[in-house]
Amino acid sequence: SWFLDIVHPDNAANVADAWRATLRLGVPFDEEFRVRRTDGVYRWVRARAEPEWAADGSLATVRGTMMDDTERVESERQRRAAETRFEIIFEQSQIGAVIVDLAGQPTRVNRAMCRILGRSATELIGCRWTAFVHPDDVPLGHMMWERVVEGHDTFADERRYVHPDGSTVWVSTNVTLVRDEGGAPQYYSAQFLDITARKEMEGELAHRVLAPAGSLFVHL
């Protein structure tokens, strides 16, 4: 009972049940829970114990270990929180976002990406996107992938994609290689921005500048 008094209230019931199972049924004790130190601070611990039986079959003693596991638990909590934030940002971003494996196959796309290319996630995941690139820009796509294969961690380009209805969208692409803590490549993170309006404006401005002086005057 003295030990349960220092177990966090949220963990006390599970710890008590597990301890009773060890004493009465011989089930090994293996639990993770919080305990209160004398300074009032709670720490996560991992406790393991095995019952030992006397010759007459009665419980003789229980031997075990307890390890402070706070840093691992906190690290895991922060990892899950980061994953949750990533999921929210990935799915709700107005910029197209794609996760690409090291072989160049998209494994995840967000809703904005589907909207930009006018295609469903089913069409995009696991498919080489050169099938959707404007024919004139396919060589650019091949060149960019060659840079990736050569070991470049980042690259950017602007190219056109063709919608199912035949219309064209200009897209600015930024790709970054994501590595693990040891530096080993894990996957590529890509962001896609629809720049069609900007490209159309640039084309209009170029047309005006290149037009004869009289025509330019009339436009202005």
N, C-alpha and C. Protein backbone atom coordinates (compact mmCIF):
# COMPACT_ATOMS: atom_id res chain seq x y z
N SER A 1 0.83 -1.21 0.00
CA SER A 1 0.00 0.00 0.00
C SER A 1 0.86 1.26 0.00
N TRP A 2 2.01 1.21 0.68
CA TRP A 2 2.86 2.41 0.71
C TRP A 2 3.33 2.77 -0.69
N PHE A 3 3.58 1.73 -1.50
CA PHE A 3 4.07 2.01 -2.85
C PHE A 3 2.96 2.61 -3.71
N LEU A 4 1.75 2.07 -3.60
CA LEU A 4 0.64 2.60 -4.39
C LEU A 4 0.35 4.05 -4.03
N ASP A 5 0.71 4.46 -2.82
CA ASP A 5 0.48 5.84 -2.42
C ASP A 5 1.32 6.83 -3.23
N ILE A 6 2.45 6.36 -3.78
CA ILE A 6 3.29 7.29 -4.56
C ILE A 6 3.09 7.11 -6.06
N VAL A 7 2.23 6.17 -6.46
CA VAL A 7 1.92 5.98 -7.88
C VAL A 7 0.90 7.04 -8.30
N HIS A 8 1.10 7.59 -9.48
CA HIS A 8 0.17 8.61 -9.99
C HIS A 8 -1.25 8.05 -9.99
N PRO A 9 -2.24 8.86 -9.56
CA PRO A 9 -3.62 8.38 -9.50
C PRO A 9 -4.14 7.79 -10.81
N ASP A 10 -3.68 8.33 -11.93
CA ASP A 10 -4.15 7.81 -13.23
C ASP A 10 -3.59 6.42 -13.52
N ASN A 11 -2.52 6.03 -12.84
CA ASN A 11 -1.88 4.73 -13.10
C ASN A 11 -2.10 3.72 -11.98
N ALA A 12 -2.63 4.18 -10.85
CA ALA A 12 -2.70 3.34 -9.66
C ALA A 12 -3.53 2.08 -9.88
N ALA A 13 -4.67 2.18 -10.53
CA ALA A 13 -5.54 1.01 -10.71
C ALA A 13 -4.85 -0.07 -11.52
N ASN A 14 -4.20 0.30 -12.62
CA ASN A 14 -3.51 -0.69 -13.46
C ASN A 14 -2.36 -1.35 -12.70
N VAL A 15 -1.61 -0.53 -11.95
CA VAL A 15 -0.50 -1.08 -11.19
C VAL A 15 -1.01 -2.07 -10.13
N ALA A 16 -2.08 -1.71 -9.42
CA ALA A 16 -2.64 -2.59 -8.39
C ALA A 16 -3.13 -3.90 -8.99
N ASP A 17 -3.81 -3.82 -10.14
CA ASP A 17 -4.30 -5.04 -10.79
C ASP A 17 -3.15 -5.94 -11.22
N ALA A 18 -2.10 -5.34 -11.79
CA ALA A 18 -0.96 -6.12 -12.25
C ALA A 18 -0.23 -6.75 -11.06
N TRP A 19 -0.14 -6.03 -9.95
CA TRP A 19 0.55 -6.55 -8.77
C TRP A 19 -0.22 -7.72 -8.16
N ARG A 20 -1.54 -7.60 -8.11
CA ARG A 20 -2.35 -8.70 -7.59
C ARG A 20 -2.21 -9.94 -8.46
N ALA A 21 -2.15 -9.74 -9.79
CA ALA A 21 -1.98 -10.88 -10.70
C ALA A 21 -0.63 -11.55 -10.48
N THR A 22 0.38 -10.77 -10.12
CA THR A 22 1.71 -11.34 -9.85
C THR A 22 1.67 -12.17 -8.57
N LEU A 23 1.05 -11.64 -7.52
CA LEU A 23 1.04 -12.31 -6.22
C LEU A 23 0.13 -13.54 -6.21
N ARG A 24 -1.00 -13.45 -6.88
CA ARG A 24 -1.99 -14.52 -6.79
C ARG A 24 -1.85 -15.57 -7.90
N LEU A 25 -1.44 -15.11 -9.08
CA LEU A 25 -1.42 -16.02 -10.23
C LEU A 25 -0.01 -16.30 -10.75
N GLY A 26 0.96 -15.57 -10.25
CA GLY A 26 2.32 -15.77 -10.72
C GLY A 26 2.63 -15.12 -12.05
N VAL A 27 1.79 -14.19 -12.45
CA VAL A 27 2.02 -13.47 -13.72
C VAL A 27 3.17 -12.49 -13.54
N PRO A 28 4.18 -12.52 -14.41
CA PRO A 28 5.29 -11.56 -14.29
C PRO A 28 4.77 -10.13 -14.33
N PHE A 29 5.33 -9.29 -13.49
CA PHE A 29 4.94 -7.88 -13.42
C PHE A 29 5.77 -7.10 -14.43
N ASP A 30 5.10 -6.37 -15.31
CA ASP A 30 5.80 -5.56 -16.32
C ASP A 30 4.92 -4.37 -16.65
N GLU A 31 5.19 -3.25 -16.00
CA GLU A 31 4.32 -2.08 -16.15
C GLU A 31 5.13 -0.79 -16.29
N GLU A 32 4.53 0.16 -16.98
CA GLU A 32 5.10 1.50 -17.10
C GLU A 32 4.12 2.48 -16.46
N PHE A 33 4.61 3.30 -15.54
CA PHE A 33 3.72 4.19 -14.80
C PHE A 33 4.53 5.33 -14.18
N ARG A 34 3.82 6.25 -13.55
CA ARG A 34 4.47 7.40 -12.92
C ARG A 34 4.48 7.24 -11.40
N VAL A 35 5.60 7.65 -10.81
CA VAL A 35 5.71 7.64 -9.35
C VAL A 35 6.13 9.04 -8.89
N ARG A 36 5.70 9.38 -7.68
CA ARG A 36 5.99 10.70 -7.12
C ARG A 36 7.23 10.64 -6.24
N ARG A 37 8.18 11.52 -6.53
CA ARG A 37 9.38 11.60 -5.70
C ARG A 37 9.07 12.43 -4.45
N THR A 38 10.05 12.47 -3.55
CA THR A 38 9.85 13.21 -2.30
C THR A 38 9.70 14.71 -2.54
N ASP A 39 10.23 15.20 -3.70
CA ASP A 39 10.08 16.63 -4.00
C ASP A 39 8.77 16.93 -4.72
N GLY A 40 7.92 15.91 -4.88
CA GLY A 40 6.61 16.10 -5.49
C GLY A 40 6.59 15.93 -7.00
N VAL A 41 7.74 15.75 -7.62
CA VAL A 41 7.83 15.60 -9.07
C VAL A 41 7.52 14.16 -9.45
N TYR A 42 6.71 13.99 -10.49
CA TYR A 42 6.40 12.64 -10.99
C TYR A 42 7.40 12.26 -12.08
N ARG A 43 7.83 11.01 -12.01
CA ARG A 43 8.73 10.46 -13.02
C ARG A 43 8.13 9.18 -13.58
N TRP A 44 8.33 8.95 -14.88
CA TRP A 44 7.90 7.70 -15.49
C TRP A 44 8.92 6.62 -15.18
N VAL A 45 8.44 5.44 -14.80
CA VAL A 45 9.34 4.32 -14.53
C VAL A 45 8.83 3.08 -15.27
N ARG A 46 9.75 2.17 -15.53
CA ARG A 46 9.42 0.86 -16.08
C ARG A 46 9.83 -0.16 -15.03
N ALA A 47 8.85 -0.93 -14.52
CA ALA A 47 9.11 -1.90 -13.46
C ALA A 47 8.81 -3.30 -13.97
N ARG A 48 9.74 -4.22 -13.69
CA ARG A 48 9.58 -5.63 -14.04
C ARG A 48 9.88 -6.46 -12.79
N ALA A 49 9.10 -7.52 -12.59
CA ALA A 49 9.32 -8.38 -11.42
C ALA A 49 8.84 -9.80 -11.71
N GLU A 50 9.49 -10.76 -11.07
CA GLU A 50 9.14 -12.18 -11.22
C GLU A 50 8.91 -12.78 -9.83
N PRO A 51 7.82 -13.52 -9.64
CA PRO A 51 7.60 -14.19 -8.36
C PRO A 51 8.48 -15.43 -8.23
N GLU A 52 8.90 -15.71 -7.02
CA GLU A 52 9.67 -16.92 -6.74
C GLU A 52 8.89 -17.75 -5.71
N TRP A 53 8.84 -19.06 -5.93
CA TRP A 53 7.98 -19.92 -5.13
C TRP A 53 8.79 -20.81 -4.19
N ALA A 54 8.21 -21.05 -3.04
CA ALA A 54 8.83 -21.94 -2.05
C ALA A 54 8.56 -23.39 -2.46
N ALA A 55 9.24 -24.34 -1.76
CA ALA A 55 9.09 -25.77 -2.09
C ALA A 55 7.66 -26.25 -1.93
N ASP A 56 6.91 -25.64 -1.00
CA ASP A 56 5.53 -26.07 -0.79
C ASP A 56 4.55 -25.41 -1.75
N GLY A 57 5.07 -24.64 -2.71
CA GLY A 57 4.21 -24.01 -3.70
C GLY A 57 3.71 -22.64 -3.30
N SER A 58 4.07 -22.16 -2.14
CA SER A 58 3.65 -20.83 -1.73
C SER A 58 4.62 -19.77 -2.27
N LEU A 59 4.13 -18.56 -2.32
CA LEU A 59 4.95 -17.46 -2.82
C LEU A 59 6.02 -17.13 -1.79
N ALA A 60 7.27 -17.21 -2.20
CA ALA A 60 8.37 -16.92 -1.29
C ALA A 60 8.76 -15.45 -1.34
N THR A 61 8.97 -14.92 -2.53
CA THR A 61 9.38 -13.53 -2.67
C THR A 61 9.15 -13.07 -4.11
N VAL A 62 9.28 -11.80 -4.32
CA VAL A 62 9.19 -11.22 -5.67
C VAL A 62 10.43 -10.37 -5.88
N ARG A 63 11.16 -10.66 -6.94
CA ARG A 63 12.37 -9.90 -7.24
C ARG A 63 12.19 -9.17 -8.57
N GLY A 64 12.66 -7.94 -8.59
CA GLY A 64 12.49 -7.18 -9.82
C GLY A 64 13.36 -5.95 -9.89
N THR A 65 13.17 -5.17 -10.91
CA THR A 65 13.94 -3.95 -11.13
C THR A 65 13.00 -2.82 -11.50
N MET A 66 13.46 -1.61 -11.28
CA MET A 66 12.71 -0.42 -11.69
C MET A 66 13.68 0.57 -12.32
N MET A 67 13.30 1.10 -13.46
CA MET A 67 14.18 2.00 -14.21
C MET A 67 13.45 3.30 -14.50
N ASP A 68 14.14 4.41 -14.31
CA ASP A 68 13.59 5.71 -14.68
C ASP A 68 13.51 5.79 -16.20
N ASP A 69 12.30 5.91 -16.72
CA ASP A 69 12.07 5.89 -18.17
C ASP A 69 11.51 7.21 -18.67
N THR A 70 11.67 8.26 -17.87
CA THR A 70 11.04 9.55 -18.17
C THR A 70 11.50 10.12 -19.51
N GLU A 71 12.80 10.07 -19.77
CA GLU A 71 13.32 10.69 -20.99
C GLU A 71 12.77 10.00 -22.23
N ARG A 72 12.69 8.67 -22.21
CA ARG A 72 12.16 7.96 -23.38
C ARG A 72 10.68 8.26 -23.57
N VAL A 73 9.92 8.26 -22.47
CA VAL A 73 8.48 8.54 -22.56
C VAL A 73 8.24 9.95 -23.08
N GLU A 74 9.01 10.91 -22.56
CA GLU A 74 8.85 12.29 -23.00
C GLU A 74 9.24 12.44 -24.46
N SER A 75 10.31 11.76 -24.88
CA SER A 75 10.73 11.80 -26.28
C SER A 75 9.65 11.22 -27.17
N GLU A 76 9.04 10.13 -26.73
CA GLU A 76 7.97 9.51 -27.51
C GLU A 76 6.75 10.43 -27.58
N ARG A 77 6.45 11.11 -26.48
CA ARG A 77 5.32 12.04 -26.48
C ARG A 77 5.57 13.18 -27.46
N GLN A 78 6.79 13.71 -27.46
CA GLN A 78 7.12 14.80 -28.37
C GLN A 78 7.07 14.33 -29.83
N ARG A 79 7.51 13.08 -30.05
CA ARG A 79 7.46 12.53 -31.42
C ARG A 79 6.02 12.42 -31.91
N ARG A 80 5.14 11.93 -31.05
CA ARG A 80 3.73 11.80 -31.44
C ARG A 80 3.11 13.16 -31.68
N ALA A 81 3.48 14.15 -30.84
CA ALA A 81 2.96 15.50 -31.02
C ALA A 81 3.43 16.09 -32.34
N ALA A 82 4.71 15.84 -32.66
CA ALA A 82 5.26 16.34 -33.93
C ALA A 82 4.56 15.68 -35.12
N GLU A 83 4.30 14.38 -35.00
CA GLU A 83 3.61 13.68 -36.07
C GLU A 83 2.20 14.22 -36.26
N THR A 84 1.54 14.54 -35.14
CA THR A 84 0.19 15.12 -35.23
C THR A 84 0.23 16.47 -35.92
N ARG A 85 1.20 17.31 -35.53
CA ARG A 85 1.33 18.62 -36.18
C ARG A 85 1.61 18.46 -37.66
N PHE A 86 2.49 17.51 -38.00
CA PHE A 86 2.82 17.28 -39.40
C PHE A 86 1.57 16.87 -40.18
N GLU A 87 0.76 15.98 -39.59
CA GLU A 87 -0.44 15.52 -40.27
C GLU A 87 -1.39 16.67 -40.53
N ILE A 88 -1.55 17.54 -39.54
CA ILE A 88 -2.46 18.68 -39.69
C ILE A 88 -1.96 19.61 -40.78
N ILE A 89 -0.66 19.94 -40.72
CA ILE A 89 -0.08 20.85 -41.71
C ILE A 89 -0.13 20.23 -43.10
N PHE A 90 0.22 18.94 -43.19
CA PHE A 90 0.25 18.25 -44.48
C PHE A 90 -1.12 18.25 -45.13
N GLU A 91 -2.14 17.88 -44.38
CA GLU A 91 -3.47 17.73 -44.96
C GLU A 91 -4.18 19.05 -45.20
N GLN A 92 -3.94 20.05 -44.34
CA GLN A 92 -4.68 21.30 -44.44
C GLN A 92 -3.96 22.37 -45.23
N SER A 93 -2.72 22.13 -45.62
CA SER A 93 -1.96 23.13 -46.37
C SER A 93 -2.62 23.42 -47.71
N GLN A 94 -2.57 24.69 -48.09
CA GLN A 94 -3.08 25.09 -49.40
C GLN A 94 -2.02 24.88 -50.49
N ILE A 95 -0.82 24.50 -50.09
CA ILE A 95 0.24 24.18 -51.03
C ILE A 95 0.27 22.67 -51.22
N GLY A 96 0.43 22.23 -52.46
CA GLY A 96 0.50 20.80 -52.72
C GLY A 96 1.68 20.18 -52.00
N ALA A 97 1.45 19.07 -51.32
CA ALA A 97 2.52 18.39 -50.58
C ALA A 97 2.54 16.92 -50.96
N VAL A 98 3.75 16.40 -51.16
CA VAL A 98 3.91 15.01 -51.60
C VAL A 98 5.08 14.39 -50.85
N ILE A 99 4.92 13.13 -50.46
CA ILE A 99 6.02 12.34 -49.91
C ILE A 99 6.41 11.33 -50.99
N VAL A 100 7.69 11.30 -51.33
CA VAL A 100 8.19 10.44 -52.41
C VAL A 100 9.26 9.51 -51.84
N ASP A 101 9.16 8.22 -52.17
CA ASP A 101 10.17 7.29 -51.67
C ASP A 101 11.47 7.45 -52.46
N LEU A 102 12.50 6.74 -52.05
CA LEU A 102 13.82 6.92 -52.65
C LEU A 102 13.88 6.42 -54.08
N ALA A 103 12.87 5.64 -54.50
CA ALA A 103 12.82 5.17 -55.88
C ALA A 103 12.06 6.13 -56.78
N GLY A 104 11.57 7.23 -56.19
CA GLY A 104 10.87 8.23 -56.99
C GLY A 104 9.37 8.00 -57.08
N GLN A 105 8.82 7.12 -56.26
CA GLN A 105 7.39 6.83 -56.28
C GLN A 105 6.67 7.63 -55.20
N PRO A 106 5.67 8.43 -55.55
CA PRO A 106 4.89 9.14 -54.54
C PRO A 106 4.15 8.16 -53.64
N THR A 107 4.25 8.36 -52.33
CA THR A 107 3.56 7.48 -51.38
C THR A 107 2.43 8.19 -50.65
N ARG A 108 2.47 9.53 -50.64
CA ARG A 108 1.38 10.30 -50.03
C ARG A 108 1.21 11.61 -50.77
N VAL A 109 -0.02 12.05 -50.91
CA VAL A 109 -0.31 13.37 -51.49
C VAL A 109 -1.43 13.99 -50.65
N ASN A 110 -1.44 15.31 -50.57
CA ASN A 110 -2.52 15.96 -49.83
C ASN A 110 -3.61 16.44 -50.79
N ARG A 111 -4.67 16.98 -50.21
CA ARG A 111 -5.81 17.40 -51.02
C ARG A 111 -5.44 18.53 -51.98
N ALA A 112 -4.58 19.45 -51.51
CA ALA A 112 -4.18 20.56 -52.37
C ALA A 112 -3.46 20.05 -53.62
N MET A 113 -2.65 19.01 -53.47
CA MET A 113 -1.93 18.44 -54.61
C MET A 113 -2.91 17.86 -55.63
N CYS A 114 -3.92 17.17 -55.13
CA CYS A 114 -4.93 16.60 -56.04
C CYS A 114 -5.66 17.72 -56.77
N ARG A 115 -5.93 18.81 -56.06
CA ARG A 115 -6.64 19.93 -56.68
C ARG A 115 -5.78 20.59 -57.75
N ILE A 116 -4.50 20.77 -57.48
CA ILE A 116 -3.61 21.42 -58.44
C ILE A 116 -3.51 20.62 -59.74
N LEU A 117 -3.39 19.31 -59.63
CA LEU A 117 -3.23 18.48 -60.82
C LEU A 117 -4.55 17.97 -61.38
N GLY A 118 -5.64 18.21 -60.65
CA GLY A 118 -6.94 17.78 -61.14
C GLY A 118 -7.10 16.27 -61.17
N ARG A 119 -6.41 15.59 -60.24
CA ARG A 119 -6.47 14.13 -60.23
C ARG A 119 -6.62 13.63 -58.80
N SER A 120 -7.12 12.42 -58.65
CA SER A 120 -7.33 11.84 -57.33
C SER A 120 -6.02 11.30 -56.77
N ALA A 121 -6.03 11.06 -55.45
CA ALA A 121 -4.85 10.50 -54.81
C ALA A 121 -4.54 9.12 -55.38
N THR A 122 -5.57 8.36 -55.71
CA THR A 122 -5.37 7.03 -56.28
C THR A 122 -4.60 7.10 -57.59
N GLU A 123 -4.88 8.12 -58.39
CA GLU A 123 -4.18 8.29 -59.66
C GLU A 123 -2.71 8.68 -59.47
N LEU A 124 -2.44 9.43 -58.41
CA LEU A 124 -1.11 10.01 -58.23
C LEU A 124 -0.14 9.12 -57.45
N ILE A 125 -0.64 8.42 -56.43
CA ILE A 125 0.24 7.61 -55.58
C ILE A 125 0.76 6.39 -56.35
N GLY A 126 2.06 6.22 -56.28
CA GLY A 126 2.69 5.07 -56.92
C GLY A 126 2.85 5.19 -58.42
N CYS A 127 2.58 6.41 -58.96
CA CYS A 127 2.65 6.58 -60.42
C CYS A 127 3.77 7.56 -60.77
N ARG A 128 4.50 7.27 -61.84
CA ARG A 128 5.49 8.21 -62.35
C ARG A 128 4.76 9.41 -62.95
N TRP A 129 5.05 10.60 -62.44
CA TRP A 129 4.28 11.77 -62.85
C TRP A 129 4.65 12.31 -64.22
N THR A 130 5.67 11.72 -64.83
CA THR A 130 5.98 12.13 -66.20
C THR A 130 4.79 11.89 -67.12
N ALA A 131 3.88 10.99 -66.69
CA ALA A 131 2.69 10.73 -67.50
C ALA A 131 1.77 11.93 -67.51
N PHE A 132 1.90 12.83 -66.53
CA PHE A 132 1.02 14.00 -66.45
C PHE A 132 1.71 15.29 -66.85
N VAL A 133 3.02 15.22 -67.07
CA VAL A 133 3.79 16.42 -67.41
C VAL A 133 3.56 16.78 -68.88
N HIS A 134 3.52 18.08 -69.15
CA HIS A 134 3.40 18.54 -70.54
C HIS A 134 4.55 17.95 -71.35
N PRO A 135 4.28 17.43 -72.53
CA PRO A 135 5.33 16.78 -73.33
C PRO A 135 6.60 17.61 -73.48
N ASP A 136 6.47 18.93 -73.62
CA ASP A 136 7.64 19.78 -73.81
C ASP A 136 8.51 19.87 -72.56
N ASP A 137 7.94 19.53 -71.39
CA ASP A 137 8.67 19.66 -70.12
C ASP A 137 9.16 18.32 -69.58
N VAL A 138 8.87 17.23 -70.26
CA VAL A 138 9.31 15.91 -69.79
C VAL A 138 10.83 15.84 -69.66
N PRO A 139 11.62 16.35 -70.63
CA PRO A 139 13.09 16.31 -70.47
C PRO A 139 13.56 17.03 -69.21
N LEU A 140 12.86 18.12 -68.82
CA LEU A 140 13.23 18.85 -67.61
C LEU A 140 13.03 17.96 -66.38
N GLY A 141 11.93 17.21 -66.37
CA GLY A 141 11.67 16.31 -65.26
C GLY A 141 12.74 15.24 -65.15
N HIS A 142 13.16 14.68 -66.28
CA HIS A 142 14.22 13.68 -66.27
C HIS A 142 15.53 14.27 -65.76
N MET A 143 15.81 15.50 -66.15
CA MET A 143 17.05 16.14 -65.73
C MET A 143 17.05 16.38 -64.22
N MET A 144 15.91 16.79 -63.68
CA MET A 144 15.82 17.02 -62.25
C MET A 144 16.02 15.71 -61.47
N TRP A 145 15.45 14.62 -61.96
CA TRP A 145 15.60 13.35 -61.26
C TRP A 145 17.04 12.87 -61.32
N GLU A 146 17.73 13.15 -62.42
CA GLU A 146 19.14 12.79 -62.52
C GLU A 146 19.95 13.51 -61.45
N ARG A 147 19.57 14.75 -61.14
CA ARG A 147 20.26 15.49 -60.08
C ARG A 147 20.06 14.79 -58.74
N VAL A 148 18.86 14.29 -58.52
CA VAL A 148 18.57 13.57 -57.28
C VAL A 148 19.44 12.33 -57.18
N VAL A 149 19.49 11.57 -58.27
CA VAL A 149 20.26 10.33 -58.29
C VAL A 149 21.73 10.62 -58.03
N GLU A 150 22.21 11.76 -58.49
CA GLU A 150 23.60 12.14 -58.30
C GLU A 150 23.93 12.53 -56.86
N GLY A 151 22.88 12.66 -56.03
CA GLY A 151 23.13 12.93 -54.62
C GLY A 151 22.77 14.32 -54.14
N HIS A 152 22.15 15.14 -54.97
CA HIS A 152 21.73 16.47 -54.53
C HIS A 152 20.54 16.35 -53.58
N ASP A 153 20.60 17.06 -52.46
CA ASP A 153 19.54 16.96 -51.45
C ASP A 153 18.35 17.84 -51.76
N THR A 154 18.52 18.85 -52.58
CA THR A 154 17.41 19.74 -52.91
C THR A 154 17.45 20.09 -54.39
N PHE A 155 16.29 20.38 -54.93
CA PHE A 155 16.22 20.94 -56.28
C PHE A 155 14.88 21.62 -56.45
N ALA A 156 14.80 22.51 -57.43
CA ALA A 156 13.56 23.24 -57.71
C ALA A 156 13.45 23.45 -59.20
N ASP A 157 12.21 23.47 -59.67
CA ASP A 157 11.98 23.77 -61.08
C ASP A 157 10.56 24.27 -61.28
N GLU A 158 10.27 24.69 -62.50
CA GLU A 158 8.92 25.10 -62.88
C GLU A 158 8.57 24.35 -64.15
N ARG A 159 7.43 23.68 -64.12
CA ARG A 159 7.02 22.91 -65.30
C ARG A 159 5.51 22.88 -65.42
N ARG A 160 5.05 22.42 -66.56
CA ARG A 160 3.61 22.34 -66.81
C ARG A 160 3.10 20.91 -66.65
N TYR A 161 1.89 20.83 -66.10
CA TYR A 161 1.18 19.55 -66.00
C TYR A 161 -0.13 19.66 -66.77
N VAL A 162 -0.57 18.52 -67.28
CA VAL A 162 -1.79 18.50 -68.09
C VAL A 162 -2.92 17.87 -67.29
N HIS A 163 -4.04 18.59 -67.17
CA HIS A 163 -5.22 18.08 -66.49
C HIS A 163 -5.92 17.05 -67.37
N PRO A 164 -6.78 16.24 -66.78
CA PRO A 164 -7.52 15.25 -67.58
C PRO A 164 -8.33 15.87 -68.72
N ASP A 165 -8.79 17.14 -68.54
CA ASP A 165 -9.57 17.79 -69.58
C ASP A 165 -8.70 18.43 -70.66
N GLY A 166 -7.37 18.27 -70.55
CA GLY A 166 -6.46 18.82 -71.55
C GLY A 166 -5.91 20.19 -71.21
N SER A 167 -6.44 20.85 -70.19
CA SER A 167 -5.93 22.16 -69.80
C SER A 167 -4.57 22.01 -69.13
N THR A 168 -3.81 23.11 -69.11
CA THR A 168 -2.44 23.07 -68.58
C THR A 168 -2.31 23.94 -67.35
N VAL A 169 -1.56 23.48 -66.36
CA VAL A 169 -1.29 24.24 -65.15
C VAL A 169 0.22 24.33 -64.97
N TRP A 170 0.69 25.53 -64.67
CA TRP A 170 2.11 25.73 -64.36
C TRP A 170 2.32 25.47 -62.87
N VAL A 171 3.37 24.75 -62.54
CA VAL A 171 3.62 24.39 -61.15
C VAL A 171 5.09 24.63 -60.80
N SER A 172 5.30 25.31 -59.66
CA SER A 172 6.65 25.48 -59.11
C SER A 172 6.88 24.36 -58.10
N THR A 173 7.99 23.64 -58.25
CA THR A 173 8.27 22.47 -57.41
C THR A 173 9.55 22.67 -56.61
N ASN A 174 9.48 22.35 -55.33
CA ASN A 174 10.66 22.35 -54.46
C ASN A 174 10.73 20.99 -53.76
N VAL A 175 11.86 20.31 -53.92
CA VAL A 175 12.02 18.97 -53.37
C VAL A 175 13.22 18.95 -52.42
N THR A 176 13.05 18.30 -51.27
CA THR A 176 14.12 18.19 -50.28
C THR A 176 14.25 16.73 -49.84
N LEU A 177 15.48 16.25 -49.78
CA LEU A 177 15.74 14.91 -49.28
C LEU A 177 15.73 14.93 -47.76
N VAL A 178 14.94 14.07 -47.16
CA VAL A 178 14.85 13.98 -45.70
C VAL A 178 15.74 12.82 -45.23
N ARG A 179 16.62 13.11 -44.29
CA ARG A 179 17.54 12.10 -43.76
C ARG A 179 17.22 11.80 -42.30
N ASP A 180 17.61 10.63 -41.82
CA ASP A 180 17.42 10.31 -40.42
C ASP A 180 18.56 10.92 -39.60
N GLU A 181 18.55 10.65 -38.29
CA GLU A 181 19.54 11.26 -37.41
C GLU A 181 20.96 10.84 -37.77
N GLY A 182 21.10 9.67 -38.37
CA GLY A 182 22.42 9.21 -38.77
C GLY A 182 22.86 9.68 -40.13
N GLY A 183 21.99 10.45 -40.82
CA GLY A 183 22.33 10.98 -42.13
C GLY A 183 21.91 10.10 -43.29
N ALA A 184 21.28 8.96 -43.01
CA ALA A 184 20.85 8.07 -44.10
C ALA A 184 19.58 8.61 -44.75
N PRO A 185 19.50 8.60 -46.08
CA PRO A 185 18.31 9.10 -46.78
C PRO A 185 17.08 8.28 -46.40
N GLN A 186 15.96 8.98 -46.19
CA GLN A 186 14.71 8.32 -45.82
C GLN A 186 13.64 8.46 -46.91
N TYR A 187 13.39 9.69 -47.34
CA TYR A 187 12.39 9.94 -48.37
C TYR A 187 12.55 11.39 -48.85
N TYR A 188 11.77 11.75 -49.85
CA TYR A 188 11.77 13.12 -50.36
C TYR A 188 10.46 13.81 -49.97
N SER A 189 10.58 15.06 -49.57
CA SER A 189 9.43 15.90 -49.29
C SER A 189 9.34 16.96 -50.38
N ALA A 190 8.20 17.01 -51.06
CA ALA A 190 8.05 17.94 -52.19
C ALA A 190 6.87 18.87 -51.97
N GLN A 191 7.05 20.12 -52.36
CA GLN A 191 5.98 21.11 -52.29
C GLN A 191 5.71 21.65 -53.69
N PHE A 192 4.43 21.76 -54.01
CA PHE A 192 4.01 22.20 -55.33
C PHE A 192 3.10 23.43 -55.19
N LEU A 193 3.42 24.46 -55.96
CA LEU A 193 2.64 25.70 -55.93
C LEU A 193 2.14 26.02 -57.33
N ASP A 194 0.84 26.25 -57.43
CA ASP A 194 0.24 26.62 -58.71
C ASP A 194 0.64 28.05 -59.06
N ILE A 195 1.41 28.21 -60.14
CA ILE A 195 1.88 29.54 -60.55
C ILE A 195 1.33 29.90 -61.93
N THR A 196 0.21 29.29 -62.29
CA THR A 196 -0.37 29.52 -63.62
C THR A 196 -0.67 31.00 -63.84
N ALA A 197 -1.28 31.66 -62.86
CA ALA A 197 -1.65 33.07 -63.01
C ALA A 197 -0.41 33.93 -63.24
N ARG A 198 0.66 33.62 -62.50
CA ARG A 198 1.89 34.39 -62.67
C ARG A 198 2.48 34.19 -64.06
N LYS A 199 2.47 32.96 -64.53
CA LYS A 199 3.02 32.66 -65.85
C LYS A 199 2.21 33.35 -66.95
N GLU A 200 0.91 33.37 -66.79
CA GLU A 200 0.07 34.03 -67.79
C GLU A 200 0.34 35.53 -67.81
N MET A 201 0.56 36.11 -66.63
CA MET A 201 0.87 37.54 -66.56
C MET A 201 2.23 37.82 -67.20
N GLU A 202 3.21 36.96 -66.93
CA GLU A 202 4.53 37.13 -67.54
C GLU A 202 4.43 37.03 -69.06
N GLY A 203 3.60 36.09 -69.54
CA GLY A 203 3.44 35.95 -70.97
C GLY A 203 2.80 37.18 -71.59
N GLU A 204 1.82 37.75 -70.89
CA GLU A 204 1.15 38.95 -71.39
C GLU A 204 2.11 40.13 -71.42
N LEU A 205 2.92 40.28 -70.38
CA LEU A 205 3.88 41.37 -70.34
C LEU A 205 4.92 41.22 -71.45
N ALA A 206 5.38 40.00 -71.67
CA ALA A 206 6.36 39.76 -72.72
C ALA A 206 5.77 40.08 -74.08
N HIS A 207 4.50 39.75 -74.28
CA HIS A 207 3.84 40.04 -75.54
C HIS A 207 3.77 41.54 -75.79
N ARG A 208 3.48 42.30 -74.73
CA ARG A 208 3.36 43.75 -74.89
C ARG A 208 4.72 44.38 -75.20
N VAL A 209 5.77 43.90 -74.51
CA VAL A 209 7.10 44.46 -74.72
C VAL A 209 7.60 44.18 -76.13
N LEU A 210 7.28 43.00 -76.65
CA LEU A 210 7.78 42.61 -77.96
C LEU A 210 6.90 43.13 -79.10
N ALA A 211 5.72 43.67 -78.76
CA ALA A 211 4.83 44.18 -79.81
C ALA A 211 5.40 45.45 -80.42
N PRO A 212 5.01 45.83 -81.67
CA PRO A 212 5.46 47.10 -82.28
C PRO A 212 5.11 48.28 -81.40
N ALA A 213 5.89 49.35 -81.55
CA ALA A 213 5.74 50.52 -80.68
C ALA A 213 4.32 51.05 -80.71
N GLY A 214 3.71 51.12 -81.89
CA GLY A 214 2.35 51.64 -81.97
C GLY A 214 1.37 50.78 -81.20
N SER A 215 1.53 49.48 -81.33
CA SER A 215 0.64 48.56 -80.61
C SER A 215 0.85 48.69 -79.11
N LEU A 216 2.09 48.83 -78.69
CA LEU A 216 2.38 48.99 -77.27
C LEU A 216 1.71 50.22 -76.73
N PHE A 217 1.72 51.33 -77.48
CA PHE A 217 1.11 52.57 -77.06
C PHE A 217 -0.41 52.37 -76.89
N VAL A 218 -1.02 51.65 -77.83
CA VAL A 218 -2.45 51.42 -77.76
C VAL A 218 -2.80 50.60 -76.53
N HIS A 219 -2.01 49.57 -76.22
CA HIS A 219 -2.28 48.74 -75.05
C HIS A 219 -2.20 49.55 -73.78
N LEU A 220 -1.21 50.40 -73.67
CA LEU A 220 -1.06 51.19 -72.46
C LEU A 220 -2.18 52.19 -72.33
